Amino acid sequence: MISPSETIHVRSEGRTVWITLDRPPLNILDTTMMRALDGAIEQALPHSDFLVFQGAGQKGFSAGAEVADHVPERVGEMLQAFHAVFRRLARADCITIAAVHGHCLGGGMELATLCDYMVATESAKFGQPEIKLGCFPPIAMVTFPPLIGLRAALDLILSGRIISAQEARELGVVSRLVGDSKLSEVIAALLEELRGLSPAVLRLAKRTIWKLHLDDFERQLSEVERIYLSQLMQTHDAREGIRAFLEKRAPAWEGR
């Protein structure tokens, strides 16, 4: 299988496909990389029973979307590209696994939590810090309440706080917590465990869970997108938060 870009690498082992986010040091996803990721998933799905996402380098899985792509003239294009990834994954029948180390923040955390399994190292850090930039995380708004409950979702999204891998495990975000040197070993063991099961039944079980608990995902995501672009990004504070981050200064909120 051919990698579609310099920042997204794809390799296959039988019916298992590995997709690596490779934009060190923190594998931040710009719009070009988001499109490449969507293309890689599209290419992989017909050939995979298992799809594994991982981040290159020592610092993390992914620290999320490129903040510079949130400026008014680029945010619509960015949101469309990024959410295409999640719409494609939401329709996928194969089992998806996120192998997480280091920083897993913002859109990186959204990607990892949409996977069926998240295996994380003990030193991994999680969070949705968008609120500190005057924004909110659209995917998390849809997926976190059914995943971890409304109270926990509100806490993470409204505070933007960073949590440990242990707390993420306790909340139900992380499926399996492993020692920092054991990630590859545990992913290999998980794949071996799942390969011993019926792929047809695994697919049906996954689709049934989605139908029962996240069947309205695409409609809800479209509504969050509408609010994000037509209301949030029209506020002074959202634009100020992005500008302040890019200019490396504290934001001056006006409450409008």
Foldseek 3Di string as FASTA:
>chain_A
DAQPDPQWDWDDDQQEIEIEGRDPDASADELVNLQSLLVRCVVNQVRHLEYEYAYDHDAKRHAYHDLVCCALVRNVSSVVSNVSSVVSLLPGLHAYEYLIEHEQEAHSLLVHQSGPAYEYEQAHKYAYQLVQLQAFRLSLVQPVCLQQNDVVSCVRGVVRDMDTPVVCVVSRSHDHYHHPVCRVVVVVVVVVVVVVDDSVVSSVVVVVVCCVRVVCVVVSSVVSSCCRNVPSSVDPRNNQSSVCVVVVHRGDDDPD
